[in-house]
Amino acid sequence: MFCKHCGREIDDKAIVCPYCGVQVANVQPQQSGTNVIAIVGFIFAFIMPIVGLICSIIGRNKAYEYGGNGRGLATAGLVISIIWLLIAVISGIAVGCAVADAISQGTYY
């Protein structure tokens, strides 16, 4: 890329021309603050894993808007939600098998 002010060749990623000091690219400020969705996803991962999973996915995708803030928390929410959901599925299968076994043997009350 070439500087629009002095005409010298500069790096394509340059924001300011190193020769004349003129700004050659717009700087987009990163939004600072708290990634609330990542926090909500982490909390709900323990209470309601499906809601926690959804909020953690959204929070992780929005982390770049907050300068990476909340990415780790959202990732933890994802992992915890998945573990809780797997435990729930395995427990449901175990209970279903136990009930089916009891019904097939006629030992239910």
PDB file of N, CA and C in Angstrom:
ATOM      1  N   MET A   1       0.861  -1.165   0.000  1.00  0.00           N
ATOM      2  CA  MET A   1       0.000   0.000   0.000  1.00  0.00           C
ATOM      3  C   MET A   1       0.907   1.228   0.000  1.00  0.00           C
ATOM      4  N   PHE A   2       0.383   2.319  -0.518  1.00  0.00           N
ATOM      5  CA  PHE A   2       1.133   3.564  -0.577  1.00  0.00           C
ATOM      6  C   PHE A   2       0.442   4.618   0.274  1.00  0.00           C
ATOM      7  N   CYS A   3       1.231   5.457   0.923  1.00  0.00           N
ATOM      8  CA  CYS A   3       0.701   6.548   1.750  1.00  0.00           C
ATOM      9  C   CYS A   3       0.038   7.571   0.833  1.00  0.00           C
ATOM     10  N   LYS A   4      -1.152   8.004   1.201  1.00  0.00           N
ATOM     11  CA  LYS A   4      -1.892   8.972   0.395  1.00  0.00           C
ATOM     12  C   LYS A   4      -1.314  10.383   0.539  1.00  0.00           C
ATOM     13  N   HIS A   5      -0.499  10.588   1.570  1.00  0.00           N
ATOM     14  CA  HIS A   5       0.062  11.916   1.819  1.00  0.00           C
ATOM     15  C   HIS A   5       1.430  12.098   1.167  1.00  0.00           C
ATOM     16  N   CYS A   6       2.372  11.161   1.434  1.00  0.00           N
ATOM     17  CA  CYS A   6       3.737  11.317   0.913  1.00  0.00           C
ATOM     18  C   CYS A   6       4.034  10.411  -0.284  1.00  0.00           C
ATOM     19  N   GLY A   7       3.199   9.390  -0.537  1.00  0.00           N
ATOM     20  CA  GLY A   7       3.357   8.528  -1.691  1.00  0.00           C
ATOM     21  C   GLY A   7       4.334   7.377  -1.523  1.00  0.00           C
ATOM     22  N   ARG A   8       4.942   7.241  -0.364  1.00  0.00           N
ATOM     23  CA  ARG A   8       5.896   6.158  -0.139  1.00  0.00           C
ATOM     24  C   ARG A   8       5.164   4.841   0.127  1.00  0.00           C
ATOM     25  N   GLU A   9       5.864   3.753  -0.178  1.00  0.00           N
ATOM     26  CA  GLU A   9       5.280   2.431   0.057  1.00  0.00           C
ATOM     27  C   GLU A   9       5.394   2.085   1.540  1.00  0.00           C
ATOM     28  N   ILE A  10       4.265   1.631   2.108  1.00  0.00           N
ATOM     29  CA  ILE A  10       4.221   1.262   3.526  1.00  0.00           C
ATOM     30  C   ILE A  10       3.554  -0.093   3.675  1.00  0.00           C
ATOM     31  N   ASP A  11       3.677  -0.657   4.860  1.00  0.00           N
ATOM     32  CA  ASP A  11       3.084  -1.969   5.161  1.00  0.00           C
ATOM     33  C   ASP A  11       1.561  -1.887   5.031  1.00  0.00           C
ATOM     34  N   ASP A  12       0.951  -2.960   4.542  1.00  0.00           N
ATOM     35  CA  ASP A  12      -0.506  -2.990   4.358  1.00  0.00           C
ATOM     36  C   ASP A  12      -1.263  -2.889   5.676  1.00  0.00           C
ATOM     37  N   LYS A  13      -0.634  -3.299   6.769  1.00  0.00           N
ATOM     38  CA  LYS A  13      -1.295  -3.278   8.074  1.00  0.00           C
ATOM     39  C   LYS A  13      -1.030  -1.990   8.847  1.00  0.00           C
ATOM     40  N   ALA A  14      -0.302  -1.059   8.246  1.00  0.00           N
ATOM     41  CA  ALA A  14       0.056   0.177   8.935  1.00  0.00           C
ATOM     42  C   ALA A  14      -1.174   1.047   9.189  1.00  0.00           C
ATOM     43  N   ILE A  15      -1.178   1.668  10.327  1.00  0.00           N
ATOM     44  CA  ILE A  15      -2.248   2.603  10.680  1.00  0.00           C
ATOM     45  C   ILE A  15      -1.766   4.032  10.472  1.00  0.00           C
ATOM     46  N   VAL A  16      -0.463   4.241  10.725  1.00  0.00           N
ATOM     47  CA  VAL A  16       0.165   5.547  10.555  1.00  0.00           C
ATOM     48  C   VAL A  16       1.377   5.371   9.638  1.00  0.00           C
ATOM     49  N   CYS A  17       1.583   6.294   8.732  1.00  0.00           N
ATOM     50  CA  CYS A  17       2.738   6.242   7.842  1.00  0.00           C
ATOM     51  C   CYS A  17       4.008   6.474   8.669  1.00  0.00           C
ATOM     52  N   PRO A  18       4.977   5.553   8.591  1.00  0.00           N
ATOM     53  CA  PRO A  18       6.201   5.727   9.382  1.00  0.00           C
ATOM     54  C   PRO A  18       7.100   6.851   8.863  1.00  0.00           C
ATOM     55  N   TYR A  19       6.836   7.347   7.641  1.00  0.00           N
ATOM     56  CA  TYR A  19       7.677   8.392   7.054  1.00  0.00           C
ATOM     57  C   TYR A  19       7.152   9.795   7.342  1.00  0.00           C
ATOM     58  N   CYS A  20       5.837   9.996   7.164  1.00  0.00           N
ATOM     59  CA  CYS A  20       5.301  11.346   7.347  1.00  0.00           C
ATOM     60  C   CYS A  20       4.397  11.475   8.574  1.00  0.00           C
ATOM     61  N   GLY A  21       3.990  10.344   9.170  1.00  0.00           N
ATOM     62  CA  GLY A  21       3.197  10.383  10.402  1.00  0.00           C
ATOM     63  C   GLY A  21       1.704  10.588  10.203  1.00  0.00           C
ATOM     64  N   VAL A  22       1.229  10.580   8.976  1.00  0.00           N
ATOM     65  CA  VAL A  22      -0.194  10.774   8.702  1.00  0.00           C
ATOM     66  C   VAL A  22      -0.930   9.449   8.899  1.00  0.00           C
ATOM     67  N   GLN A  23      -2.115   9.530   9.483  1.00  0.00           N
ATOM     68  CA  GLN A  23      -2.936   8.333   9.687  1.00  0.00           C
ATOM     69  C   GLN A  23      -3.440   7.851   8.332  1.00  0.00           C
ATOM     70  N   VAL A  24      -3.200   6.562   8.045  1.00  0.00           N
ATOM     71  CA  VAL A  24      -3.586   6.000   6.748  1.00  0.00           C
ATOM     72  C   VAL A  24      -4.720   4.993   6.851  1.00  0.00           C
ATOM     73  N   ALA A  25      -5.078   4.599   8.059  1.00  0.00           N
ATOM     74  CA  ALA A  25      -6.165   3.632   8.246  1.00  0.00           C
ATOM     75  C   ALA A  25      -6.983   4.046   9.457  1.00  0.00           C
ATOM     76  N   ASN A  26      -8.235   3.670   9.422  1.00  0.00           N
ATOM     77  CA  ASN A  26      -9.118   3.959  10.555  1.00  0.00           C
ATOM     78  C   ASN A  26      -8.920   2.921  11.651  1.00  0.00           C
ATOM     79  N   VAL A  27      -8.908   3.387  12.863  1.00  0.00           N
ATOM     80  CA  VAL A  27      -8.777   2.492  14.002  1.00  0.00           C
ATOM     81  C   VAL A  27     -10.158   2.321  14.606  1.00  0.00           C
ATOM     82  N   GLN A  28     -10.595   1.059  14.704  1.00  0.00           N
ATOM     83  CA  GLN A  28     -11.900   0.787  15.301  1.00  0.00           C
ATOM     84  C   GLN A  28     -11.686   0.438  16.760  1.00  0.00           C
ATOM     85  N   PRO A  29     -12.181   1.279  17.658  1.00  0.00           N
ATOM     86  CA  PRO A  29     -11.981   0.992  19.082  1.00  0.00           C
ATOM     87  C   PRO A  29     -12.749  -0.253  19.506  1.00  0.00           C
ATOM     88  N   GLN A  30     -12.096  -1.046  20.347  1.00  0.00           N
ATOM     89  CA  GLN A  30     -12.765  -2.231  20.855  1.00  0.00           C
ATOM     90  C   GLN A  30     -13.695  -1.827  21.991  1.00  0.00           C
ATOM     91  N   GLN A  31     -14.821  -2.477  22.035  1.00  0.00           N
ATOM     92  CA  GLN A  31     -15.805  -2.206  23.062  1.00  0.00           C
ATOM     93  C   GLN A  31     -15.298  -2.805  24.369  1.00  0.00           C
ATOM     94  N   SER A  32     -15.222  -1.973  25.369  1.00  0.00           N
ATOM     95  CA  SER A  32     -14.804  -2.503  26.664  1.00  0.00           C
ATOM     96  C   SER A  32     -16.033  -2.700  27.531  1.00  0.00           C
ATOM     97  N   GLY A  33     -15.912  -3.537  28.489  1.00  0.00           N
ATOM     98  CA  GLY A  33     -17.025  -3.816  29.372  1.00  0.00           C
ATOM     99  C   GLY A  33     -17.055  -5.276  29.743  1.00  0.00           C
ATOM    100  N   THR A  34     -18.173  -5.668  30.252  1.00  0.00           N
ATOM    101  CA  THR A  34     -18.318  -7.031  30.732  1.00  0.00           C
ATOM    102  C   THR A  34     -19.196  -7.817  29.777  1.00  0.00           C
ATOM    103  N   ASN A  35     -18.750  -9.008  29.474  1.00  0.00           N
ATOM    104  CA  ASN A  35     -19.507  -9.909  28.614  1.00  0.00           C
ATOM    105  C   ASN A  35     -20.526 -10.636  29.505  1.00  0.00           C
ATOM    106  N   VAL A  36     -21.678 -10.010  29.686  1.00  0.00           N
ATOM    107  CA  VAL A  36     -22.705 -10.511  30.601  1.00  0.00           C
ATOM    108  C   VAL A  36     -23.231 -11.869  30.165  1.00  0.00           C
ATOM    109  N   ILE A  37     -23.341 -12.085  28.878  1.00  0.00           N
ATOM    110  CA  ILE A  37     -23.873 -13.359  28.381  1.00  0.00           C
ATOM    111  C   ILE A  37     -22.956 -14.518  28.766  1.00  0.00           C
ATOM    112  N   ALA A  38     -21.640 -14.281  28.754  1.00  0.00           N
ATOM    113  CA  ALA A  38     -20.698 -15.323  29.167  1.00  0.00           C
ATOM    114  C   ALA A  38     -20.879 -15.659  30.646  1.00  0.00           C
ATOM    115  N   ILE A  39     -21.107 -14.636  31.465  1.00  0.00           N
ATOM    116  CA  ILE A  39     -21.331 -14.845  32.900  1.00  0.00           C
ATOM    117  C   ILE A  39     -22.625 -15.617  33.131  1.00  0.00           C
ATOM    118  N   VAL A  40     -23.677 -15.222  32.430  1.00  0.00           N
ATOM    119  CA  VAL A  40     -24.968 -15.904  32.552  1.00  0.00           C
ATOM    120  C   VAL A  40     -24.841 -17.367  32.108  1.00  0.00           C
ATOM    121  N   GLY A  41     -24.103 -17.598  31.020  1.00  0.00           N
ATOM    122  CA  GLY A  41     -23.900 -18.963  30.542  1.00  0.00           C
ATOM    123  C   GLY A  41     -23.182 -19.824  31.560  1.00  0.00           C
ATOM    124  N   PHE A  42     -22.175 -19.245  32.219  1.00  0.00           N
ATOM    125  CA  PHE A  42     -21.433 -19.990  33.233  1.00  0.00           C
ATOM    126  C   PHE A  42     -22.322 -20.329  34.421  1.00  0.00           C
ATOM    127  N   ILE A  43     -23.110 -19.374  34.886  1.00  0.00           N
ATOM    128  CA  ILE A  43     -23.992 -19.605  36.040  1.00  0.00           C
ATOM    129  C   ILE A  43     -25.064 -20.645  35.711  1.00  0.00           C
ATOM    130  N   PHE A  44     -25.702 -20.489  34.552  1.00  0.00           N
ATOM    131  CA  PHE A  44     -26.768 -21.422  34.174  1.00  0.00           C
ATOM    132  C   PHE A  44     -26.239 -22.809  33.819  1.00  0.00           C
ATOM    133  N   ALA A  45     -24.949 -22.937  33.590  1.00  0.00           N
ATOM    134  CA  ALA A  45     -24.374 -24.255  33.318  1.00  0.00           C
ATOM    135  C   ALA A  45     -24.610 -25.197  34.493  1.00  0.00           C
ATOM    136  N   PHE A  46     -24.647 -24.648  35.704  1.00  0.00           N
ATOM    137  CA  PHE A  46     -24.874 -25.457  36.898  1.00  0.00           C
ATOM    138  C   PHE A  46     -26.360 -25.674  37.183  1.00  0.00           C
ATOM    139  N   ILE A  47     -27.196 -24.702  36.823  1.00  0.00           N
ATOM    140  CA  ILE A  47     -28.616 -24.738  37.179  1.00  0.00           C
ATOM    141  C   ILE A  47     -29.459 -25.403  36.089  1.00  0.00           C
ATOM    142  N   MET A  48     -29.336 -24.892  34.880  1.00  0.00           N
ATOM    143  CA  MET A  48     -30.082 -25.407  33.721  1.00  0.00           C
ATOM    144  C   MET A  48     -29.098 -25.543  32.559  1.00  0.00           C
ATOM    145  N   PRO A  49     -28.508 -26.730  32.402  1.00  0.00           N
ATOM    146  CA  PRO A  49     -27.415 -26.902  31.441  1.00  0.00           C
ATOM    147  C   PRO A  49     -27.724 -26.519  29.995  1.00  0.00           C
ATOM    148  N   ILE A  50     -28.944 -26.712  29.554  1.00  0.00           N
ATOM    149  CA  ILE A  50     -29.258 -26.361  28.160  1.00  0.00           C
ATOM    150  C   ILE A  50     -29.202 -24.852  27.970  1.00  0.00           C
ATOM    151  N   VAL A  51     -29.772 -24.103  28.912  1.00  0.00           N
ATOM    152  CA  VAL A  51     -29.711 -22.636  28.852  1.00  0.00           C
ATOM    153  C   VAL A  51     -28.259 -22.182  28.982  1.00  0.00           C
ATOM    154  N   GLY A  52     -27.511 -22.820  29.884  1.00  0.00           N
ATOM    155  CA  GLY A  52     -26.102 -22.493  30.046  1.00  0.00           C
ATOM    156  C   GLY A  52     -25.301 -22.752  28.783  1.00  0.00           C
ATOM    157  N   LEU A  53     -25.613 -23.835  28.103  1.00  0.00           N
ATOM    158  CA  LEU A  53     -24.925 -24.169  26.861  1.00  0.00           C
ATOM    159  C   LEU A  53     -25.181 -23.110  25.793  1.00  0.00           C
ATOM    160  N   ILE A  54     -26.431 -22.737  25.629  1.00  0.00           N
ATOM    161  CA  ILE A  54     -26.794 -21.742  24.617  1.00  0.00           C
ATOM    162  C   ILE A  54     -26.163 -20.383  24.929  1.00  0.00           C
ATOM    163  N   CYS A  55     -26.275 -19.936  26.181  1.00  0.00           N
ATOM    164  CA  CYS A  55     -25.704 -18.641  26.563  1.00  0.00           C
ATOM    165  C   CYS A  55     -24.181 -18.653  26.465  1.00  0.00           C
ATOM    166  N   SER A  56     -23.556 -19.765  26.798  1.00  0.00           N
ATOM    167  CA  SER A  56     -22.102 -19.854  26.708  1.00  0.00           C
ATOM    168  C   SER A  56     -21.633 -19.796  25.261  1.00  0.00           C
ATOM    169  N   ILE A  57     -22.363 -20.419  24.358  1.00  0.00           N
ATOM    170  CA  ILE A  57     -22.011 -20.347  22.936  1.00  0.00           C
ATOM    171  C   ILE A  57     -22.125 -18.908  22.439  1.00  0.00           C
ATOM    172  N   ILE A  58     -23.212 -18.247  22.789  1.00  0.00           N
ATOM    173  CA  ILE A  58     -23.393 -16.848  22.375  1.00  0.00           C
ATOM    174  C   ILE A  58     -22.323 -15.965  23.009  1.00  0.00           C
ATOM    175  N   GLY A  59     -22.065 -16.163  24.310  1.00  0.00           N
ATOM    176  CA  GLY A  59     -21.055 -15.368  25.003  1.00  0.00           C
ATOM    177  C   GLY A  59     -19.662 -15.567  24.432  1.00  0.00           C
ATOM    178  N   ARG A  60     -19.347 -16.791  24.020  1.00  0.00           N
ATOM    179  CA  ARG A  60     -18.028 -17.069  23.446  1.00  0.00           C
ATOM    180  C   ARG A  60     -17.905 -16.410  22.072  1.00  0.00           C
ATOM    181  N   ASN A  61     -18.978 -16.408  21.306  1.00  0.00           N
ATOM    182  CA  ASN A  61     -18.954 -15.766  19.994  1.00  0.00           C
ATOM    183  C   ASN A  61     -18.884 -14.246  20.100  1.00  0.00           C
ATOM    184  N   LYS A  62     -19.435 -13.678  21.176  1.00  0.00           N
ATOM    185  CA  LYS A  62     -19.416 -12.230  21.353  1.00  0.00           C
ATOM    186  C   LYS A  62     -18.166 -11.732  22.080  1.00  0.00           C
ATOM    187  N   ALA A  63     -17.308 -12.627  22.510  1.00  0.00           N
ATOM    188  CA  ALA A  63     -16.129 -12.239  23.286  1.00  0.00           C
ATOM    189  C   ALA A  63     -15.217 -11.289  22.517  1.00  0.00           C
ATOM    190  N   TYR A  64     -15.131 -11.449  21.199  1.00  0.00           N
ATOM    191  CA  TYR A  64     -14.265 -10.567  20.414  1.00  0.00           C
ATOM    192  C   TYR A  64     -14.737  -9.118  20.479  1.00  0.00           C
ATOM    193  N   GLU A  65     -16.034  -8.901  20.659  1.00  0.00           N
ATOM    194  CA  GLU A  65     -16.566  -7.545  20.763  1.00  0.00           C
ATOM    195  C   GLU A  65     -16.124  -6.863  22.056  1.00  0.00           C
ATOM    196  N   TYR A  66     -15.764  -7.659  23.038  1.00  0.00           N
ATOM    197  CA  TYR A  66     -15.348  -7.142  24.334  1.00  0.00           C
ATOM    198  C   TYR A  66     -13.846  -7.311  24.540  1.00  0.00           C
ATOM    199  N   GLY A  67     -13.092  -7.398  23.476  1.00  0.00           N
ATOM    200  CA  GLY A  67     -11.656  -7.535  23.570  1.00  0.00           C
ATOM    201  C   GLY A  67     -11.222  -8.870  24.156  1.00  0.00           C
ATOM    202  N   GLY A  68     -12.016  -9.902  23.971  1.00  0.00           N
ATOM    203  CA  GLY A  68     -11.702 -11.229  24.498  1.00  0.00           C
ATOM    204  C   GLY A  68     -12.231 -11.445  25.899  1.00  0.00           C
ATOM    205  N   ASN A  69     -12.845 -10.431  26.475  1.00  0.00           N
ATOM    206  CA  ASN A  69     -13.376 -10.523  27.836  1.00  0.00           C
ATOM    207  C   ASN A  69     -14.508 -11.545  27.900  1.00  0.00           C
ATOM    208  N   GLY A  70     -14.378 -12.518  28.790  1.00  0.00           N
ATOM    209  CA  GLY A  70     -15.418 -13.512  28.997  1.00  0.00           C
ATOM    210  C   GLY A  70     -15.247 -14.783  28.191  1.00  0.00           C
ATOM    211  N   ARG A  71     -14.243 -14.851  27.350  1.00  0.00           N
ATOM    212  CA  ARG A  71     -14.052 -16.040  26.508  1.00  0.00           C
ATOM    213  C   ARG A  71     -13.768 -17.277  27.363  1.00  0.00           C
ATOM    214  N   GLY A  72     -12.922 -17.139  28.352  1.00  0.00           N
ATOM    215  CA  GLY A  72     -12.601 -18.275  29.222  1.00  0.00           C
ATOM    216  C   GLY A  72     -13.797 -18.719  30.041  1.00  0.00           C
ATOM    217  N   LEU A  73     -14.558 -17.752  30.537  1.00  0.00           N
ATOM    218  CA  LEU A  73     -15.748 -18.058  31.329  1.00  0.00           C
ATOM    219  C   LEU A  73     -16.799 -18.765  30.466  1.00  0.00           C
ATOM    220  N   ALA A  74     -16.963 -18.301  29.244  1.00  0.00           N
ATOM    221  CA  ALA A  74     -17.916 -18.937  28.331  1.00  0.00           C
ATOM    222  C   ALA A  74     -17.466 -20.355  27.978  1.00  0.00           C
ATOM    223  N   THR A  75     -16.165 -20.549  27.790  1.00  0.00           N
ATOM    224  CA  THR A  75     -15.643 -21.880  27.497  1.00  0.00           C
ATOM    225  C   THR A  75     -15.884 -22.818  28.683  1.00  0.00           C
ATOM    226  N   ALA A  76     -15.654 -22.322  29.892  1.00  0.00           N
ATOM    227  CA  ALA A  76     -15.927 -23.130  31.085  1.00  0.00           C
ATOM    228  C   ALA A  76     -17.411 -23.475  31.171  1.00  0.00           C
ATOM    229  N   GLY A  77     -18.275 -22.516  30.858  1.00  0.00           N
ATOM    230  CA  GLY A  77     -19.711 -22.775  30.843  1.00  0.00           C
ATOM    231  C   GLY A  77     -20.090 -23.841  29.830  1.00  0.00           C
ATOM    232  N   LEU A  78     -19.438 -23.813  28.662  1.00  0.00           N
ATOM    233  CA  LEU A  78     -19.677 -24.840  27.648  1.00  0.00           C
ATOM    234  C   LEU A  78     -19.311 -26.228  28.169  1.00  0.00           C
ATOM    235  N   VAL A  79     -18.128 -26.334  28.740  1.00  0.00           N
ATOM    236  CA  VAL A  79     -17.648 -27.632  29.223  1.00  0.00           C
ATOM    237  C   VAL A  79     -18.547 -28.159  30.340  1.00  0.00           C
ATOM    238  N   ILE A  80     -18.874 -27.308  31.287  1.00  0.00           N
ATOM    239  CA  ILE A  80     -19.714 -27.730  32.417  1.00  0.00           C
ATOM    240  C   ILE A  80     -21.100 -28.131  31.932  1.00  0.00           C
ATOM    241  N   SER A  81     -21.676 -27.359  31.019  1.00  0.00           N
ATOM    242  CA  SER A  81     -23.002 -27.695  30.482  1.00  0.00           C
ATOM    243  C   SER A  81     -22.989 -29.046  29.788  1.00  0.00           C
ATOM    244  N   ILE A  82     -21.970 -29.288  28.987  1.00  0.00           N
ATOM    245  CA  ILE A  82     -21.878 -30.562  28.265  1.00  0.00           C
ATOM    246  C   ILE A  82     -21.739 -31.720  29.241  1.00  0.00           C
ATOM    247  N   ILE A  83     -20.911 -31.541  30.277  1.00  0.00           N
ATOM    248  CA  ILE A  83     -20.749 -32.611  31.278  1.00  0.00           C
ATOM    249  C   ILE A  83     -22.069 -32.892  31.982  1.00  0.00           C
ATOM    250  N   TRP A  84     -22.782 -31.849  32.406  1.00  0.00           N
ATOM    251  CA  TRP A  84     -24.072 -32.048  33.090  1.00  0.00           C
ATOM    252  C   TRP A  84     -25.086 -32.716  32.169  1.00  0.00           C
ATOM    253  N   LEU A  85     -25.102 -32.319  30.897  1.00  0.00           N
ATOM    254  CA  LEU A  85     -26.039 -32.939  29.957  1.00  0.00           C
ATOM    255  C   LEU A  85     -25.707 -34.412  29.736  1.00  0.00           C
ATOM    256  N   LEU A  86     -24.426 -34.749  29.650  1.00  0.00           N
ATOM    257  CA  LEU A  86     -24.039 -36.156  29.508  1.00  0.00           C
ATOM    258  C   LEU A  86     -24.437 -36.967  30.740  1.00  0.00           C
ATOM    259  N   ILE A  87     -24.238 -36.387  31.924  1.00  0.00           N
ATOM    260  CA  ILE A  87     -24.653 -37.074  33.162  1.00  0.00           C
ATOM    261  C   ILE A  87     -26.162 -37.307  33.154  1.00  0.00           C
ATOM    262  N   ALA A  88     -26.925 -36.303  32.729  1.00  0.00           N
ATOM    263  CA  ALA A  88     -28.381 -36.439  32.690  1.00  0.00           C
ATOM    264  C   ALA A  88     -28.808 -37.520  31.704  1.00  0.00           C
ATOM    265  N   VAL A  89     -28.184 -37.571  30.538  1.00  0.00           N
ATOM    266  CA  VAL A  89     -28.540 -38.581  29.531  1.00  0.00           C
ATOM    267  C   VAL A  89     -28.190 -39.980  30.035  1.00  0.00           C
ATOM    268  N   ILE A  90     -26.995 -40.137  30.600  1.00  0.00           N
ATOM    269  CA  ILE A  90     -26.579 -41.450  31.119  1.00  0.00           C
ATOM    270  C   ILE A  90     -27.496 -41.889  32.261  1.00  0.00           C
ATOM    271  N   SER A  91     -27.852 -40.965  33.151  1.00  0.00           N
ATOM    272  CA  SER A  91     -28.770 -41.293  34.252  1.00  0.00           C
ATOM    273  C   SER A  91     -30.139 -41.684  33.726  1.00  0.00           C
ATOM    274  N   GLY A  92     -30.622 -40.954  32.735  1.00  0.00           N
ATOM    275  CA  GLY A  92     -31.923 -41.280  32.143  1.00  0.00           C
ATOM    276  C   GLY A  92     -31.929 -42.651  31.497  1.00  0.00           C
ATOM    277  N   ILE A  93     -30.855 -42.978  30.824  1.00  0.00           N
ATOM    278  CA  ILE A  93     -30.762 -44.305  30.200  1.00  0.00           C
ATOM    279  C   ILE A  93     -30.725 -45.395  31.271  1.00  0.00           C
ATOM    280  N   ALA A  94     -29.968 -45.163  32.351  1.00  0.00           N
ATOM    281  CA  ALA A  94     -29.865 -46.155  33.429  1.00  0.00           C
ATOM    282  C   ALA A  94     -31.211 -46.373  34.097  1.00  0.00           C
ATOM    283  N   VAL A  95     -31.923 -45.284  34.380  1.00  0.00           N
ATOM    284  CA  VAL A  95     -33.243 -45.407  35.009  1.00  0.00           C
ATOM    285  C   VAL A  95     -34.213 -46.092  34.051  1.00  0.00           C
ATOM    286  N   GLY A  96     -34.176 -45.728  32.783  1.00  0.00           N
ATOM    287  CA  GLY A  96     -35.054 -46.363  31.799  1.00  0.00           C
ATOM    288  C   GLY A  96     -34.796 -47.854  31.685  1.00  0.00           C
ATOM    289  N   CYS A  97     -33.544 -48.248  31.708  1.00  0.00           N
ATOM    290  CA  CYS A  97     -33.204 -49.677  31.651  1.00  0.00           C
ATOM    291  C   CYS A  97     -33.679 -50.402  32.906  1.00  0.00           C
ATOM    292  N   ALA A  98     -33.534 -49.766  34.069  1.00  0.00           N
ATOM    293  CA  ALA A  98     -33.970 -50.386  35.317  1.00  0.00           C
ATOM    294  C   ALA A  98     -35.482 -50.564  35.330  1.00  0.00           C
ATOM    295  N   VAL A  99     -36.214 -49.564  34.856  1.00  0.00           N
ATOM    296  CA  VAL A  99     -37.674 -49.651  34.810  1.00  0.00           C
ATOM    297  C   VAL A  99     -38.100 -50.722  33.808  1.00  0.00           C
ATOM    298  N   ALA A 100     -37.471 -50.754  32.656  1.00  0.00           N
ATOM    299  CA  ALA A 100     -37.813 -51.769  31.654  1.00  0.00           C
ATOM    300  C   ALA A 100     -37.524 -53.168  32.173  1.00  0.00           C
ATOM    301  N   ASP A 101     -36.434 -53.322  32.893  1.00  0.00           N
ATOM    302  CA  ASP A 101     -36.094 -54.620  33.471  1.00  0.00           C
ATOM    303  C   ASP A 101     -37.118 -55.034  34.523  1.00  0.00           C
ATOM    304  N   ALA A 102     -37.518 -54.072  35.368  1.00  0.00           N
ATOM    305  CA  ALA A 102     -38.508 -54.375  36.405  1.00  0.00           C
ATOM    306  C   ALA A 102     -39.844 -54.745  35.787  1.00  0.00           C
ATOM    307  N   ILE A 103     -40.225 -54.065  34.730  1.00  0.00           N
ATOM    308  CA  ILE A 103     -41.498 -54.370  34.069  1.00  0.00           C
ATOM    309  C   ILE A 103     -41.425 -55.739  33.397  1.00  0.00           C
ATOM    310  N   SER A 104     -40.314 -56.044  32.769  1.00  0.00           N
ATOM    311  CA  SER A 104     -40.221 -57.341  32.076  1.00  0.00           C
ATOM    312  C   SER A 104     -40.191 -58.515  33.042  1.00  0.00           C
ATOM    313  N   GLN A 105     -39.719 -58.286  34.271  1.00  0.00           N
ATOM    314  CA  GLN A 105     -39.690 -59.370  35.255  1.00  0.00           C
ATOM    315  C   GLN A 105     -40.924 -59.360  36.159  1.00  0.00           C
ATOM    316  N   GLY A 106     -41.759 -58.356  35.996  1.00  0.00           N
ATOM    317  CA  GLY A 106     -42.981 -58.284  36.792  1.00  0.00           C
ATOM    318  C   GLY A 106     -42.736 -57.927  38.251  1.00  0.00           C
ATOM    319  N   THR A 107     -41.640 -57.234  38.540  1.00  0.00           N
ATOM    320  CA  THR A 107     -41.332 -56.890  39.931  1.00  0.00           C
ATOM    321  C   THR A 107     -41.633 -55.438  40.259  1.00  0.00           C
ATOM    322  N   TYR A 108     -42.436 -54.796  39.475  1.00  0.00           N
ATOM    323  CA  TYR A 108     -42.791 -53.415  39.750  1.00  0.00           C
ATOM    324  C   TYR A 108     -44.044 -53.360  40.620  1.00  0.00           C
ATOM    325  N   TYR A 109     -44.231 -52.264  41.300  1.00  0.00           N
ATOM    326  CA  TYR A 109     -45.397 -52.142  42.195  1.00  0.00           C
ATOM    327  C   TYR A 109     -46.224 -50.961  41.807  1.00  0.00           C
TER     328      TYR A 109
END
